[in-house]
PDB file of N, CA and C in Angstrom:
ATOM      1  N   UNK A   1     136.455 102.859  50.482  1.00  0.00           N
ATOM      2  CA  UNK A   1     135.778 103.834  51.152  1.00  0.00           C
ATOM      3  C   UNK A   1     136.549 104.134  52.398  1.00  0.00           C
ATOM      4  N   UNK A   2     136.228 105.494  52.654  1.00  0.00           N
ATOM      5  CA  UNK A   2     136.609 105.991  54.006  1.00  0.00           C
ATOM      6  C   UNK A   2     135.437 106.470  54.989  1.00  0.00           C
ATOM      7  N   UNK A   3     135.444 106.286  56.136  1.00  0.00           N
ATOM      8  CA  UNK A   3     134.327 106.880  56.987  1.00  0.00           C
ATOM      9  C   UNK A   3     134.998 108.107  57.646  1.00  0.00           C
ATOM     10  N   UNK A   4     134.278 109.133  57.578  1.00  0.00           N
ATOM     11  CA  UNK A   4     134.507 110.546  57.794  1.00  0.00           C
ATOM     12  C   UNK A   4     133.447 111.019  58.558  1.00  0.00           C
ATOM     13  N   UNK A   5     133.535 111.277  59.993  1.00  0.00           N
ATOM     14  CA  UNK A   5     132.573 111.964  60.826  1.00  0.00           C
ATOM     15  C   UNK A   5     131.237 111.085  60.817  1.00  0.00           C
ATOM     16  N   UNK A   6     131.306 109.796  60.775  1.00  0.00           N
ATOM     17  CA  UNK A   6     130.121 109.148  60.661  1.00  0.00           C
ATOM     18  C   UNK A   6     129.351 108.943  59.338  1.00  0.00           C
ATOM     19  N   UNK A   7     130.104 109.424  58.387  1.00  0.00           N
ATOM     20  CA  UNK A   7     129.653 109.389  56.939  1.00  0.00           C
ATOM     21  C   UNK A   7     130.618 108.463  56.073  1.00  0.00           C
ATOM     22  N   UNK A   8     130.016 107.910  55.117  1.00  0.00           N
ATOM     23  CA  UNK A   8     131.020 107.141  54.303  1.00  0.00           C
ATOM     24  C   UNK A   8     131.324 107.858  52.990  1.00  0.00           C
ATOM     25  N   UNK A   9     132.530 108.039  52.707  1.00  0.00           N
ATOM     26  CA  UNK A   9     133.060 108.618  51.622  1.00  0.00           C
ATOM     27  C   UNK A   9     133.096 107.467  50.509  1.00  0.00           C
ATOM     28  N   UNK A  10     132.284 107.570  49.352  1.00  0.00           N
ATOM     29  CA  UNK A  10     132.165 106.542  48.412  1.00  0.00           C
ATOM     30  C   UNK A  10     133.307 106.668  47.446  1.00  0.00           C
ATOM     31  N   UNK A  11     133.788 107.879  47.216  1.00  0.00           N
ATOM     32  CA  UNK A  11     135.087 108.195  46.491  1.00  0.00           C
ATOM     33  C   UNK A  11     136.393 107.578  47.052  1.00  0.00           C
ATOM     34  N   UNK A  12     137.352 107.061  46.093  1.00  0.00           N
ATOM     35  CA  UNK A  12     138.459 106.713  46.605  1.00  0.00           C
ATOM     36  C   UNK A  12     139.318 107.823  47.240  1.00  0.00           C
ATOM     37  N   UNK A  13     140.184 107.519  48.213  1.00  0.00           N
ATOM     38  CA  UNK A  13     140.933 108.825  48.869  1.00  0.00           C
ATOM     39  C   UNK A  13     141.518 109.567  47.816  1.00  0.00           C
ATOM     40  N   UNK A  14     141.452 110.912  47.968  1.00  0.00           N
ATOM     41  CA  UNK A  14     142.167 111.862  47.098  1.00  0.00           C
ATOM     42  C   UNK A  14     143.680 111.925  47.166  1.00  0.00           C
ATOM     43  N   UNK A  15     144.457 112.003  46.213  1.00  0.00           N
ATOM     44  CA  UNK A  15     145.977 111.956  46.366  1.00  0.00           C
ATOM     45  C   UNK A  15     146.349 113.222  47.259  1.00  0.00           C
ATOM     46  N   UNK A  16     147.398 113.209  47.955  1.00  0.00           N
ATOM     47  CA  UNK A  16     147.833 114.216  48.841  1.00  0.00           C
ATOM     48  C   UNK A  16     147.912 115.640  48.036  1.00  0.00           C
ATOM     49  N   UNK A  17     147.391 116.538  48.613  1.00  0.00           N
ATOM     50  CA  UNK A  17     147.444 117.826  48.008  1.00  0.00           C
ATOM     51  C   UNK A  17     146.379 118.073  47.006  1.00  0.00           C
ATOM     52  N   UNK A  18     145.603 117.176  46.648  1.00  0.00           N
ATOM     53  CA  UNK A  18     144.543 117.117  45.598  1.00  0.00           C
ATOM     54  C   UNK A  18     143.247 117.920  46.197  1.00  0.00           C
ATOM     55  N   UNK A  19     142.884 119.030  45.687  1.00  0.00           N
ATOM     56  CA  UNK A  19     141.689 120.010  46.115  1.00  0.00           C
ATOM     57  C   UNK A  19     140.518 119.515  45.620  1.00  0.00           C
ATOM     58  N   UNK A  20     140.190 118.179  45.228  1.00  0.00           N
ATOM     59  CA  UNK A  20     138.951 117.661  44.857  1.00  0.00           C
ATOM     60  C   UNK A  20     138.368 116.553  45.995  1.00  0.00           C
ATOM     61  N   UNK A  21     138.689 116.951  47.219  1.00  0.00           N
ATOM     62  CA  UNK A  21     138.081 115.861  48.266  1.00  0.00           C
ATOM     63  C   UNK A  21     136.594 115.986  48.330  1.00  0.00           C
ATOM     64  N   UNK A  22     136.002 114.675  48.584  1.00  0.00           N
ATOM     65  CA  UNK A  22     134.579 114.641  48.510  1.00  0.00           C
ATOM     66  C   UNK A  22     134.052 113.707  49.492  1.00  0.00           C
ATOM     67  N   UNK A  23     132.876 113.925  50.005  1.00  0.00           N
ATOM     68  CA  UNK A  23     132.149 113.084  51.170  1.00  0.00           C
ATOM     69  C   UNK A  23     130.779 112.808  50.693  1.00  0.00           C
ATOM     70  N   UNK A  24     130.298 111.740  50.829  1.00  0.00           N
ATOM     71  CA  UNK A  24     128.892 111.397  50.416  1.00  0.00           C
ATOM     72  C   UNK A  24     128.178 110.935  51.701  1.00  0.00           C
ATOM     73  N   UNK A  25     126.928 111.506  51.829  1.00  0.00           N
ATOM     74  CA  UNK A  25     126.074 111.219  53.029  1.00  0.00           C
ATOM     75  C   UNK A  25     124.792 110.615  52.620  1.00  0.00           C
ATOM     76  N   UNK A  26     124.642 109.472  52.693  1.00  0.00           N
ATOM     77  CA  UNK A  26     123.434 108.801  52.387  1.00  0.00           C
ATOM     78  C   UNK A  26     122.307 108.792  53.354  1.00  0.00           C
ATOM     79  N   UNK A  27     121.141 108.833  52.995  1.00  0.00           N
ATOM     80  CA  UNK A  27     119.925 108.854  53.941  1.00  0.00           C
ATOM     81  C   UNK A  27     118.732 108.337  53.435  1.00  0.00           C
ATOM     82  N   UNK A  28     117.862 107.849  54.192  1.00  0.00           N
ATOM     83  CA  UNK A  28     116.505 107.337  53.832  1.00  0.00           C
ATOM     84  C   UNK A  28     115.614 107.567  54.839  1.00  0.00           C
ATOM     85  N   UNK A  29     114.486 107.756  54.669  1.00  0.00           N
ATOM     86  CA  UNK A  29     113.317 107.655  55.554  1.00  0.00           C
ATOM     87  C   UNK A  29     112.238 106.539  55.332  1.00  0.00           C
ATOM     88  N   UNK A  30     112.521 105.589  54.414  1.00  0.00           N
ATOM     89  CA  UNK A  30     111.609 104.639  54.053  1.00  0.00           C
ATOM     90  C   UNK A  30     110.702 105.122  52.795  1.00  0.00           C
ATOM     91  N   UNK A  31     110.163 106.396  52.799  1.00  0.00           N
ATOM     92  CA  UNK A  31     109.422 106.831  51.541  1.00  0.00           C
ATOM     93  C   UNK A  31     110.457 107.483  50.646  1.00  0.00           C
ATOM     94  N   UNK A  32     111.632 107.944  50.915  1.00  0.00           N
ATOM     95  CA  UNK A  32     112.358 108.568  50.000  1.00  0.00           C
ATOM     96  C   UNK A  32     113.959 108.176  50.541  1.00  0.00           C
ATOM     97  N   UNK A  33     114.849 108.417  49.433  1.00  0.00           N
ATOM     98  CA  UNK A  33     116.145 108.065  49.730  1.00  0.00           C
ATOM     99  C   UNK A  33     117.006 108.955  49.012  1.00  0.00           C
ATOM    100  N   UNK A  34     118.220 109.090  49.348  1.00  0.00           N
ATOM    101  CA  UNK A  34     119.195 110.031  48.523  1.00  0.00           C
ATOM    102  C   UNK A  34     120.600 110.144  49.144  1.00  0.00           C
ATOM    103  N   UNK A  35     120.968 111.327  48.676  1.00  0.00           N
ATOM    104  CA  UNK A  35     122.467 111.465  48.994  1.00  0.00           C
ATOM    105  C   UNK A  35     122.796 113.048  49.030  1.00  0.00           C
ATOM    106  N   UNK A  36     123.523 113.606  49.931  1.00  0.00           N
ATOM    107  CA  UNK A  36     124.187 114.839  49.947  1.00  0.00           C
ATOM    108  C   UNK A  36     125.743 114.501  49.677  1.00  0.00           C
ATOM    109  N   UNK A  37     126.064 115.159  48.602  1.00  0.00           N
ATOM    110  CA  UNK A  37     127.592 115.111  48.120  1.00  0.00           C
ATOM    111  C   UNK A  37     128.240 116.378  48.356  1.00  0.00           C
ATOM    112  N   UNK A  38     129.245 116.533  49.178  1.00  0.00           N
ATOM    113  CA  UNK A  38     129.984 117.752  49.200  1.00  0.00           C
ATOM    114  C   UNK A  38     131.339 117.637  48.674  1.00  0.00           C
ATOM    115  N   UNK A  39     131.746 118.595  47.965  1.00  0.00           N
ATOM    116  CA  UNK A  39     133.169 118.353  47.147  1.00  0.00           C
ATOM    117  C   UNK A  39     133.775 119.590  47.210  1.00  0.00           C
ATOM    118  N   UNK A  40     135.174 119.617  47.561  1.00  0.00           N
ATOM    119  CA  UNK A  40     136.008 120.948  47.446  1.00  0.00           C
ATOM    120  C   UNK A  40     136.400 120.941  46.041  1.00  0.00           C
ATOM    121  N   UNK A  41     136.088 122.025  45.544  1.00  0.00           N
ATOM    122  CA  UNK A  41     136.544 122.294  44.067  1.00  0.00           C
ATOM    123  C   UNK A  41     138.093 122.724  44.241  1.00  0.00           C
ATOM    124  N   UNK A  42     138.543 122.904  42.809  1.00  0.00           N
ATOM    125  CA  UNK A  42     139.998 123.214  42.604  1.00  0.00           C
ATOM    126  C   UNK A  42     140.283 124.708  43.294  1.00  0.00           C
ATOM    127  N   UNK A  43     139.346 125.494  43.162  1.00  0.00           N
ATOM    128  CA  UNK A  43     139.399 126.959  43.606  1.00  0.00           C
ATOM    129  C   UNK A  43     139.319 127.152  45.227  1.00  0.00           C
ATOM    130  N   UNK A  44     139.146 125.869  45.844  1.00  0.00           N
ATOM    131  CA  UNK A  44     138.753 125.484  47.289  1.00  0.00           C
ATOM    132  C   UNK A  44     137.559 126.114  47.727  1.00  0.00           C
ATOM    133  N   UNK A  45     136.616 126.390  46.808  1.00  0.00           N
ATOM    134  CA  UNK A  45     135.179 126.575  47.322  1.00  0.00           C
ATOM    135  C   UNK A  45     134.562 125.092  47.534  1.00  0.00           C
ATOM    136  N   UNK A  46     133.291 125.201  47.718  1.00  0.00           N
ATOM    137  CA  UNK A  46     132.531 124.002  48.376  1.00  0.00           C
ATOM    138  C   UNK A  46     131.367 123.824  47.521  1.00  0.00           C
ATOM    139  N   UNK A  47     131.112 122.639  46.896  1.00  0.00           N
ATOM    140  CA  UNK A  47     129.716 122.533  46.121  1.00  0.00           C
ATOM    141  C   UNK A  47     129.006 121.371  46.988  1.00  0.00           C
ATOM    142  N   UNK A  48     127.839 121.536  47.238  1.00  0.00           N
ATOM    143  CA  UNK A  48     127.007 120.616  47.974  1.00  0.00           C
ATOM    144  C   UNK A  48     125.863 120.326  47.209  1.00  0.00           C
ATOM    145  N   UNK A  49     125.730 119.006  46.831  1.00  0.00           N
ATOM    146  CA  UNK A  49     124.561 118.506  45.798  1.00  0.00           C
ATOM    147  C   UNK A  49     123.638 117.490  46.700  1.00  0.00           C
ATOM    148  N   UNK A  50     122.446 117.813  46.598  1.00  0.00           N
ATOM    149  CA  UNK A  50     121.372 116.825  47.311  1.00  0.00           C
ATOM    150  C   UNK A  50     120.499 116.232  46.210  1.00  0.00           C
ATOM    151  N   UNK A  51     120.561 114.759  46.244  1.00  0.00           N
ATOM    152  CA  UNK A  51     119.663 114.185  45.219  1.00  0.00           C
ATOM    153  C   UNK A  51     118.769 113.355  45.894  1.00  0.00           C
ATOM    154  N   UNK A  52     117.490 113.506  45.759  1.00  0.00           N
ATOM    155  CA  UNK A  52     116.529 112.623  46.599  1.00  0.00           C
ATOM    156  C   UNK A  52     115.606 111.904  45.507  1.00  0.00           C
ATOM    157  N   UNK A  53     115.310 110.651  45.852  1.00  0.00           N
ATOM    158  CA  UNK A  53     114.441 109.849  45.093  1.00  0.00           C
ATOM    159  C   UNK A  53     113.412 109.065  45.698  1.00  0.00           C
ATOM    160  N   UNK A  54     112.505 108.470  45.085  1.00  0.00           N
ATOM    161  CA  UNK A  54     111.459 107.780  45.805  1.00  0.00           C
ATOM    162  C   UNK A  54     109.936 108.382  45.893  1.00  0.00           C
ATOM    163  N   UNK A  55     109.090 107.590  46.422  1.00  0.00           N
ATOM    164  CA  UNK A  55     107.542 108.036  46.595  1.00  0.00           C
ATOM    165  C   UNK A  55     107.497 109.365  47.293  1.00  0.00           C
ATOM    166  N   UNK A  56     108.259 109.380  48.504  1.00  0.00           N
ATOM    167  CA  UNK A  56     108.257 110.698  49.104  1.00  0.00           C
ATOM    168  C   UNK A  56     108.356 111.946  48.342  1.00  0.00           C
ATOM    169  N   UNK A  57     109.452 111.802  47.313  1.00  0.00           N
ATOM    170  CA  UNK A  57     109.905 112.789  46.499  1.00  0.00           C
ATOM    171  C   UNK A  57     108.690 113.179  45.443  1.00  0.00           C
ATOM    172  N   UNK A  58     108.131 112.004  45.150  1.00  0.00           N
ATOM    173  CA  UNK A  58     107.030 112.301  44.101  1.00  0.00           C
ATOM    174  C   UNK A  58     105.705 112.917  44.576  1.00  0.00           C
ATOM    175  N   UNK A  59     105.525 112.643  46.009  1.00  0.00           N
ATOM    176  CA  UNK A  59     104.505 113.189  46.776  1.00  0.00           C
ATOM    177  C   UNK A  59     104.598 114.937  46.868  1.00  0.00           C
ATOM    178  N   UNK A  60     105.749 115.146  47.094  1.00  0.00           N
ATOM    179  CA  UNK A  60     106.315 116.503  47.479  1.00  0.00           C
ATOM    180  C   UNK A  60     106.614 117.515  46.079  1.00  0.00           C
ATOM    181  N   UNK A  61     107.139 116.871  45.195  1.00  0.00           N
ATOM    182  CA  UNK A  61     107.532 117.643  44.052  1.00  0.00           C
ATOM    183  C   UNK A  61     106.821 117.206  42.784  1.00  0.00           C
ATOM    184  N   UNK A  62     106.042 116.084  42.645  1.00  0.00           N
ATOM    185  CA  UNK A  62     105.365 115.498  41.591  1.00  0.00           C
ATOM    186  C   UNK A  62     106.248 114.891  40.601  1.00  0.00           C
ATOM    187  N   UNK A  63     107.549 114.561  41.015  1.00  0.00           N
ATOM    188  CA  UNK A  63     108.561 113.877  40.125  1.00  0.00           C
ATOM    189  C   UNK A  63     109.241 112.719  41.110  1.00  0.00           C
ATOM    190  N   UNK A  64     109.714 111.817  40.350  1.00  0.00           N
ATOM    191  CA  UNK A  64     110.347 110.596  41.337  1.00  0.00           C
ATOM    192  C   UNK A  64     111.723 111.120  41.737  1.00  0.00           C
ATOM    193  N   UNK A  65     112.302 112.203  41.260  1.00  0.00           N
ATOM    194  CA  UNK A  65     113.705 112.491  41.457  1.00  0.00           C
ATOM    195  C   UNK A  65     113.768 114.185  41.479  1.00  0.00           C
ATOM    196  N   UNK A  66     114.492 114.544  42.762  1.00  0.00           N
ATOM    197  CA  UNK A  66     114.776 116.058  42.939  1.00  0.00           C
ATOM    198  C   UNK A  66     116.325 116.255  43.194  1.00  0.00           C
ATOM    199  N   UNK A  67     116.748 117.295  42.565  1.00  0.00           N
ATOM    200  CA  UNK A  67     118.164 117.595  42.784  1.00  0.00           C
ATOM    201  C   UNK A  67     118.323 119.146  43.063  1.00  0.00           C
ATOM    202  N   UNK A  68     119.238 119.390  44.027  1.00  0.00           N
ATOM    203  CA  UNK A  68     119.329 120.851  44.394  1.00  0.00           C
ATOM    204  C   UNK A  68     121.157 121.039  44.649  1.00  0.00           C
ATOM    205  N   UNK A  69     121.515 122.130  44.414  1.00  0.00           N
ATOM    206  CA  UNK A  69     122.935 122.378  44.564  1.00  0.00           C
ATOM    207  C   UNK A  69     123.181 123.710  45.290  1.00  0.00           C
ATOM    208  N   UNK A  70     124.175 123.687  46.209  1.00  0.00           N
ATOM    209  CA  UNK A  70     124.472 124.774  47.111  1.00  0.00           C
ATOM    210  C   UNK A  70     126.044 125.051  46.737  1.00  0.00           C
ATOM    211  N   UNK A  71     126.350 126.216  46.246  1.00  0.00           N
ATOM    212  CA  UNK A  71     127.747 126.463  46.223  1.00  0.00           C
ATOM    213  C   UNK A  71     128.325 127.640  47.093  1.00  0.00           C
ATOM    214  N   UNK A  72     129.560 127.253  47.565  1.00  0.00           N
ATOM    215  CA  UNK A  72     130.085 128.355  48.593  1.00  0.00           C
ATOM    216  C   UNK A  72     131.523 128.843  47.965  1.00  0.00           C
ATOM    217  N   UNK A  73     131.680 129.944  48.027  1.00  0.00           N
ATOM    218  CA  UNK A  73     133.250 130.456  47.633  1.00  0.00           C
ATOM    219  C   UNK A  73     134.048 130.267  48.728  1.00  0.00           C
ATOM    220  N   UNK A  74     135.306 130.174  48.446  1.00  0.00           N
ATOM    221  CA  UNK A  74     136.449 129.840  49.382  1.00  0.00           C
ATOM    222  C   UNK A  74     136.230 130.656  50.741  1.00  0.00           C
ATOM    223  N   UNK A  75     135.678 131.873  50.799  1.00  0.00           N
ATOM    224  CA  UNK A  75     135.555 132.791  51.792  1.00  0.00           C
ATOM    225  C   UNK A  75     134.516 132.177  52.824  1.00  0.00           C
ATOM    226  N   UNK A  76     133.475 131.969  51.858  1.00  0.00           N
ATOM    227  CA  UNK A  76     132.038 131.305  52.520  1.00  0.00           C
ATOM    228  C   UNK A  76     132.464 129.928  53.201  1.00  0.00           C
ATOM    229  N   UNK A  77     133.482 129.185  52.657  1.00  0.00           N
ATOM    230  CA  UNK A  77     133.711 127.809  53.281  1.00  0.00           C
ATOM    231  C   UNK A  77     134.407 128.136  54.599  1.00  0.00           C
ATOM    232  N   UNK A  78     135.250 129.176  54.769  1.00  0.00           N
ATOM    233  CA  UNK A  78     136.028 129.431  56.009  1.00  0.00           C
ATOM    234  C   UNK A  78     134.925 130.071  56.908  1.00  0.00           C
ATOM    235  N   UNK A  79     133.949 130.899  56.475  1.00  0.00           N
ATOM    236  CA  UNK A  79     132.892 131.273  57.539  1.00  0.00           C
ATOM    237  C   UNK A  79     131.960 130.065  57.996  1.00  0.00           C
ATOM    238  N   UNK A  80     131.776 129.196  57.164  1.00  0.00           N
ATOM    239  CA  UNK A  80     131.036 128.027  57.627  1.00  0.00           C
ATOM    240  C   UNK A  80     131.880 127.141  58.312  1.00  0.00           C
ATOM    241  N   UNK A  81     133.146 127.077  58.226  1.00  0.00           N
ATOM    242  CA  UNK A  81     133.961 126.176  59.231  1.00  0.00           C
ATOM    243  C   UNK A  81     133.856 126.783  60.637  1.00  0.00           C
ATOM    244  N   UNK A  82     133.874 128.142  60.833  1.00  0.00           N
ATOM    245  CA  UNK A  82     133.790 128.671  61.947  1.00  0.00           C
ATOM    246  C   UNK A  82     132.571 128.599  62.634  1.00  0.00           C
ATOM    247  N   UNK A  83     131.259 128.602  61.922  1.00  0.00           N
ATOM    248  CA  UNK A  83     130.056 128.313  62.445  1.00  0.00           C
ATOM    249  C   UNK A  83     129.952 126.976  62.836  1.00  0.00           C
ATOM    250  N   UNK A  84     130.413 125.942  62.122  1.00  0.00           N
ATOM    251  CA  UNK A  84     130.415 124.560  62.484  1.00  0.00           C
ATOM    252  C   UNK A  84     131.171 124.254  63.612  1.00  0.00           C
ATOM    253  N   UNK A  85     132.521 124.741  63.785  1.00  0.00           N
ATOM    254  CA  UNK A  85     133.193 124.565  65.020  1.00  0.00           C
ATOM    255  C   UNK A  85     132.652 125.085  66.167  1.00  0.00           C
ATOM    256  N   UNK A  86     132.013 126.358  66.178  1.00  0.00           N
ATOM    257  CA  UNK A  86     131.441 126.892  67.462  1.00  0.00           C
ATOM    258  C   UNK A  86     130.143 125.886  67.616  1.00  0.00           C
ATOM    259  N   UNK A  87     129.331 125.527  66.755  1.00  0.00           N
ATOM    260  CA  UNK A  87     128.232 124.590  67.132  1.00  0.00           C
ATOM    261  C   UNK A  87     128.623 123.265  67.728  1.00  0.00           C
ATOM    262  N   UNK A  88     129.729 122.781  67.267  1.00  0.00           N
ATOM    263  CA  UNK A  88     130.216 121.479  67.697  1.00  0.00           C
ATOM    264  C   UNK A  88     130.997 121.533  69.128  1.00  0.00           C
ATOM    265  N   UNK A  89     131.849 122.545  69.114  1.00  0.00           N
ATOM    266  CA  UNK A  89     132.838 122.601  70.265  1.00  0.00           C
ATOM    267  C   UNK A  89     132.577 123.672  71.408  1.00  0.00           C
ATOM    268  N   UNK A  90     131.482 124.357  71.134  1.00  0.00           N
ATOM    269  CA  UNK A  90     131.218 125.525  72.200  1.00  0.00           C
ATOM    270  C   UNK A  90     131.260 124.961  73.593  1.00  0.00           C
ATOM    271  N   UNK A  91     131.930 125.692  74.459  1.00  0.00           N
ATOM    272  CA  UNK A  91     131.771 125.253  76.019  1.00  0.00           C
ATOM    273  C   UNK A  91     132.802 124.257  76.208  1.00  0.00           C
ATOM    274  N   UNK A  92     133.677 123.501  75.293  1.00  0.00           N
ATOM    275  CA  UNK A  92     134.402 122.440  75.667  1.00  0.00           C
ATOM    276  C   UNK A  92     135.743 122.909  75.891  1.00  0.00           C
ATOM    277  N   UNK A  93     136.344 122.587  77.090  1.00  0.00           N
ATOM    278  CA  UNK A  93     137.650 122.871  77.414  1.00  0.00           C
ATOM    279  C   UNK A  93     138.709 122.168  76.621  1.00  0.00           C
ATOM    280  N   UNK A  94     138.488 121.025  76.081  1.00  0.00           N
ATOM    281  CA  UNK A  94     139.243 120.157  75.232  1.00  0.00           C
ATOM    282  C   UNK A  94     139.047 120.659  73.644  1.00  0.00           C
ATOM    283  N   UNK A  95     138.522 121.616  73.429  1.00  0.00           N
ATOM    284  CA  UNK A  95     138.161 122.061  71.952  1.00  0.00           C
ATOM    285  C   UNK A  95     139.451 121.956  71.043  1.00  0.00           C
ATOM    286  N   UNK A  96     140.397 122.616  71.437  1.00  0.00           N
ATOM    287  CA  UNK A  96     141.697 122.464  70.620  1.00  0.00           C
ATOM    288  C   UNK A  96     142.243 121.207  70.529  1.00  0.00           C
ATOM    289  N   UNK A  97     142.336 120.334  71.404  1.00  0.00           N
ATOM    290  CA  UNK A  97     142.824 119.029  71.213  1.00  0.00           C
ATOM    291  C   UNK A  97     141.821 118.102  70.537  1.00  0.00           C
ATOM    292  N   UNK A  98     140.611 118.419  70.547  1.00  0.00           N
ATOM    293  CA  UNK A  98     139.640 117.529  69.728  1.00  0.00           C
ATOM    294  C   UNK A  98     139.617 117.963  68.426  1.00  0.00           C
ATOM    295  N   UNK A  99     139.742 119.216  67.935  1.00  0.00           N
ATOM    296  CA  UNK A  99     139.925 119.773  66.807  1.00  0.00           C
ATOM    297  C   UNK A  99     141.077 119.279  65.995  1.00  0.00           C
ATOM    298  N   UNK A 100     142.228 119.138  66.782  1.00  0.00           N
ATOM    299  CA  UNK A 100     143.486 118.669  66.298  1.00  0.00           C
ATOM    300  C   UNK A 100     143.424 117.224  66.107  1.00  0.00           C
ATOM    301  N   UNK A 101     142.783 116.438  66.907  1.00  0.00           N
ATOM    302  CA  UNK A 101     142.588 114.806  66.688  1.00  0.00           C
ATOM    303  C   UNK A 101     141.515 114.576  65.522  1.00  0.00           C
ATOM    304  N   UNK A 102     140.687 115.624  65.355  1.00  0.00           N
ATOM    305  CA  UNK A 102     139.719 115.462  63.997  1.00  0.00           C
ATOM    306  C   UNK A 102     140.451 115.656  62.909  1.00  0.00           C
ATOM    307  N   UNK A 103     141.237 116.608  62.785  1.00  0.00           N
ATOM    308  CA  UNK A 103     142.355 116.902  61.733  1.00  0.00           C
ATOM    309  C   UNK A 103     143.115 115.895  61.518  1.00  0.00           C
ATOM    310  N   UNK A 104     143.680 115.415  62.427  1.00  0.00           N
ATOM    311  CA  UNK A 104     144.669 114.029  62.382  1.00  0.00           C
ATOM    312  C   UNK A 104     143.888 113.002  61.741  1.00  0.00           C
ATOM    313  N   UNK A 105     142.903 112.698  62.167  1.00  0.00           N
ATOM    314  CA  UNK A 105     142.038 111.467  61.722  1.00  0.00           C
ATOM    315  C   UNK A 105     141.553 111.547  60.289  1.00  0.00           C
ATOM    316  N   UNK A 106     141.448 112.930  59.825  1.00  0.00           N
ATOM    317  CA  UNK A 106     140.976 113.092  58.497  1.00  0.00           C
ATOM    318  C   UNK A 106     142.082 113.496  57.460  1.00  0.00           C
ATOM    319  N   UNK A 107     143.515 113.421  58.149  1.00  0.00           N
ATOM    320  CA  UNK A 107     144.679 113.448  57.226  1.00  0.00           C
ATOM    321  C   UNK A 107     144.632 115.013  56.594  1.00  0.00           C
ATOM    322  N   UNK A 108     144.181 116.047  57.611  1.00  0.00           N
ATOM    323  CA  UNK A 108     144.280 117.404  57.414  1.00  0.00           C
ATOM    324  C   UNK A 108     145.354 117.931  58.196  1.00  0.00           C
ATOM    325  N   UNK A 109     146.396 118.699  57.359  1.00  0.00           N
ATOM    326  CA  UNK A 109     147.523 119.188  57.660  1.00  0.00           C
ATOM    327  C   UNK A 109     147.356 120.313  58.778  1.00  0.00           C
ATOM    328  N   UNK A 110     148.026 120.414  59.779  1.00  0.00           N
ATOM    329  CA  UNK A 110     148.018 121.388  60.649  1.00  0.00           C
ATOM    330  C   UNK A 110     149.214 121.676  61.210  1.00  0.00           C
ATOM    331  N   UNK A 111     149.523 122.921  61.806  1.00  0.00           N
ATOM    332  CA  UNK A 111     150.679 123.420  62.561  1.00  0.00           C
ATOM    333  C   UNK A 111     150.164 123.833  63.834  1.00  0.00           C
ATOM    334  N   UNK A 112     150.759 123.343  64.935  1.00  0.00           N
ATOM    335  CA  UNK A 112     150.295 123.812  66.405  1.00  0.00           C
ATOM    336  C   UNK A 112     151.588 124.440  66.918  1.00  0.00           C
ATOM    337  N   UNK A 113     151.192 125.759  67.534  1.00  0.00           N
ATOM    338  CA  UNK A 113     152.106 126.447  68.256  1.00  0.00           C
ATOM    339  C   UNK A 113     151.573 126.617  69.623  1.00  0.00           C
ATOM    340  N   UNK A 114     152.571 126.343  70.714  1.00  0.00           N
ATOM    341  CA  UNK A 114     152.218 126.342  72.068  1.00  0.00           C
ATOM    342  C   UNK A 114     153.572 127.179  72.756  1.00  0.00           C
ATOM    343  N   UNK A 115     152.917 127.941  73.652  1.00  0.00           N
ATOM    344  CA  UNK A 115     153.843 128.980  74.390  1.00  0.00           C
ATOM    345  C   UNK A 115     153.196 129.197  75.692  1.00  0.00           C
ATOM    346  N   UNK A 116     154.055 129.547  76.679  1.00  0.00           N
ATOM    347  CA  UNK A 116     153.782 129.767  78.005  1.00  0.00           C
ATOM    348  C   UNK A 116     154.143 131.253  78.351  1.00  0.00           C
TER     349      UNK A 116
END
């Protein structure tokens, strides 16, 4: 298991260059529990699945289990990346260095260009 951004990835690390990277974000509030899984598909789109189980789900949906899926095209993934970057790094003078460090920690390939 790998720890990614505070979440634990239950899947084994993907081979280098594999476009099927995945992260699992487990949650519980006592009455319900579940997982949000995000997976990069081979076309570089993103599929996000949420599965909830427990009494809280039964109270809300009348069933013990609930599942929902959100799919994003590759273009939508790029737009989402911009939104998330703006949300996390807005107003930070160290944003570029922090993003580079995050990429390095997650083994995401980058190319940095510097000029004066």
